[in-house]
Amino acid sequence: MGKNVTNRMTLMSKSVDDEILKAMRAFRGIAKSQNYSCSALCNLAVNANNRMLLMSKGADDEILKAMKAFPLHAEIQSCSCGALCNVAVNADNQVSLMSKSTDNEILEAM
């Protein structure tokens, strides 16, 4: 659904990102939920405007928590790295991510 620009913008305007983040917090221990959530955030973060908004809402923190909760879950690690990659296209986000040692989490995922 979020694979085109219009859909991504529409989803964000309806606060789908907030619902995804709520689900990540509510179902922290459920791998499938974390995997789908990271995948959705990865998709939403392709859009430049969404990147900053997602970071301002703490999406990076939730992604990192999913990575730490499921260190051996290949799909979660893959979707998480993809989401962080998309968010990191923005220079300000790169600085913020590096201040949280995100690089270490990515290296551990490899």
Protein backbone atom coordinates (compact mmCIF):
# COMPACT_ATOMS: atom_id res chain seq x y z
CA MET A 1 0.00 0.00 0.00
CA GLY A 2 2.74 2.48 0.85
CA LYS A 3 4.85 1.78 -2.20
CA ASN A 4 4.05 4.97 -4.08
CA VAL A 5 4.60 8.58 -3.12
CA THR A 6 0.93 9.50 -2.87
CA ASN A 7 0.14 6.53 -0.65
CA ARG A 8 3.04 7.31 1.69
CA MET A 9 1.90 10.91 2.07
CA THR A 10 -1.73 9.86 2.60
CA LEU A 11 -0.76 7.30 5.22
CA MET A 12 1.34 9.84 7.11
CA SER A 13 -1.44 12.43 6.97
CA LYS A 14 -3.67 9.88 8.68
CA SER A 15 -1.07 9.33 11.42
CA VAL A 16 -0.43 5.72 10.45
CA ASP A 17 3.09 6.20 11.73
CA ASP A 18 1.71 6.90 15.21
CA GLU A 19 -0.29 3.69 15.10
CA ILE A 20 2.76 1.72 13.97
CA LEU A 21 4.82 3.13 16.82
CA LYS A 22 2.03 2.37 19.31
CA ALA A 23 1.92 -1.22 18.06
CA MET A 24 5.68 -1.54 18.43
CA ARG A 25 5.43 -0.40 22.05
CA ALA A 26 2.39 -2.53 22.87
CA PHE A 27 3.67 -5.71 21.22
CA ARG A 28 7.38 -5.34 21.91
CA GLY A 29 7.87 -9.05 22.52
CA ILE A 30 6.09 -10.27 19.39
CA ALA A 31 8.54 -10.78 16.55
CA LYS A 32 6.00 -10.72 13.75
CA SER A 33 4.60 -7.39 14.93
CA GLN A 34 8.07 -5.87 15.21
CA ASN A 35 9.02 -7.19 11.79
CA TYR A 36 5.96 -5.78 10.04
CA SER A 37 6.30 -2.49 11.89
CA CYS A 38 9.95 -2.07 10.90
CA SER A 39 9.05 -2.95 7.33
CA ALA A 40 6.28 -0.35 7.27
CA LEU A 41 8.56 2.31 8.76
CA CYS A 42 11.20 1.42 6.18
CA ASN A 43 8.66 1.99 3.44
CA LEU A 44 7.36 5.26 4.89
CA ALA A 45 10.91 6.59 5.39
CA VAL A 46 11.57 6.54 1.65
CA ASN A 47 9.83 9.93 1.51
CA ALA A 48 12.09 12.86 2.49
CA ASN A 49 9.41 14.66 4.54
CA ASN A 50 8.53 11.48 6.38
CA ARG A 51 12.15 10.89 7.43
CA MET A 52 12.27 13.95 9.66
CA LEU A 53 8.79 13.37 11.05
CA LEU A 54 9.55 9.75 11.91
CA MET A 55 12.74 10.77 13.69
CA SER A 56 10.91 13.47 15.65
CA LYS A 57 8.48 10.82 16.88
CA GLY A 58 11.20 8.44 18.03
CA ALA A 59 10.85 5.85 15.27
CA ASP A 60 14.60 5.29 15.34
CA ASP A 61 14.44 4.39 19.02
CA GLU A 62 11.66 1.87 18.42
CA ILE A 63 13.57 0.35 15.51
CA LEU A 64 16.67 -0.01 17.67
CA LYS A 65 14.62 -1.61 20.45
CA ALA A 66 13.28 -4.16 17.96
CA MET A 67 16.83 -4.93 16.83
CA LYS A 68 17.97 -5.43 20.43
CA ALA A 69 14.93 -7.53 21.36
CA PHE A 70 15.41 -9.93 18.45
CA PRO A 71 19.13 -10.04 17.68
CA LEU A 72 18.92 -13.39 15.89
CA HIS A 73 15.77 -12.69 13.87
CA ALA A 74 17.09 -12.15 10.33
CA GLU A 75 13.94 -10.49 8.97
CA ILE A 76 13.71 -7.99 11.81
CA GLN A 77 17.39 -7.16 11.47
CA SER A 78 17.00 -6.73 7.71
CA CYS A 79 13.88 -4.54 7.92
CA SER A 80 15.40 -2.52 10.74
CA CYS A 81 18.59 -1.87 8.83
CA GLY A 82 16.54 -0.86 5.80
CA ALA A 83 14.45 1.54 7.86
CA LEU A 84 17.53 3.08 9.46
CA CYS A 85 19.16 3.36 6.06
CA ASN A 86 16.17 5.25 4.67
CA VAL A 87 15.95 7.55 7.69
CA ALA A 88 19.70 8.22 7.50
CA VAL A 89 19.49 9.73 4.01
CA ASN A 90 18.90 13.03 5.84
CA ALA A 91 22.13 14.62 7.15
CA ASP A 92 20.58 15.81 10.44
CA ASN A 93 19.22 12.33 11.04
CA GLN A 94 22.68 10.86 10.46
CA VAL A 95 24.09 12.96 13.30
CA SER A 96 21.27 11.93 15.61
CA LEU A 97 21.61 8.25 14.71
CA MET A 98 25.36 8.26 15.25
CA SER A 99 24.93 9.90 18.65
CA LYS A 100 22.89 6.82 19.63
CA SER A 101 25.58 4.39 18.42
CA THR A 102 23.24 3.11 15.75
CA ASP A 103 26.28 2.02 13.77
CA ASN A 104 27.05 -0.57 16.45
CA GLU A 105 23.56 -2.06 16.20
CA ILE A 106 23.85 -2.26 12.42
CA LEU A 107 27.25 -3.94 12.68
CA GLU A 108 25.87 -6.46 15.17
CA ALA A 109 23.03 -7.24 12.77
CA MET A 110 25.49 -8.27 10.06
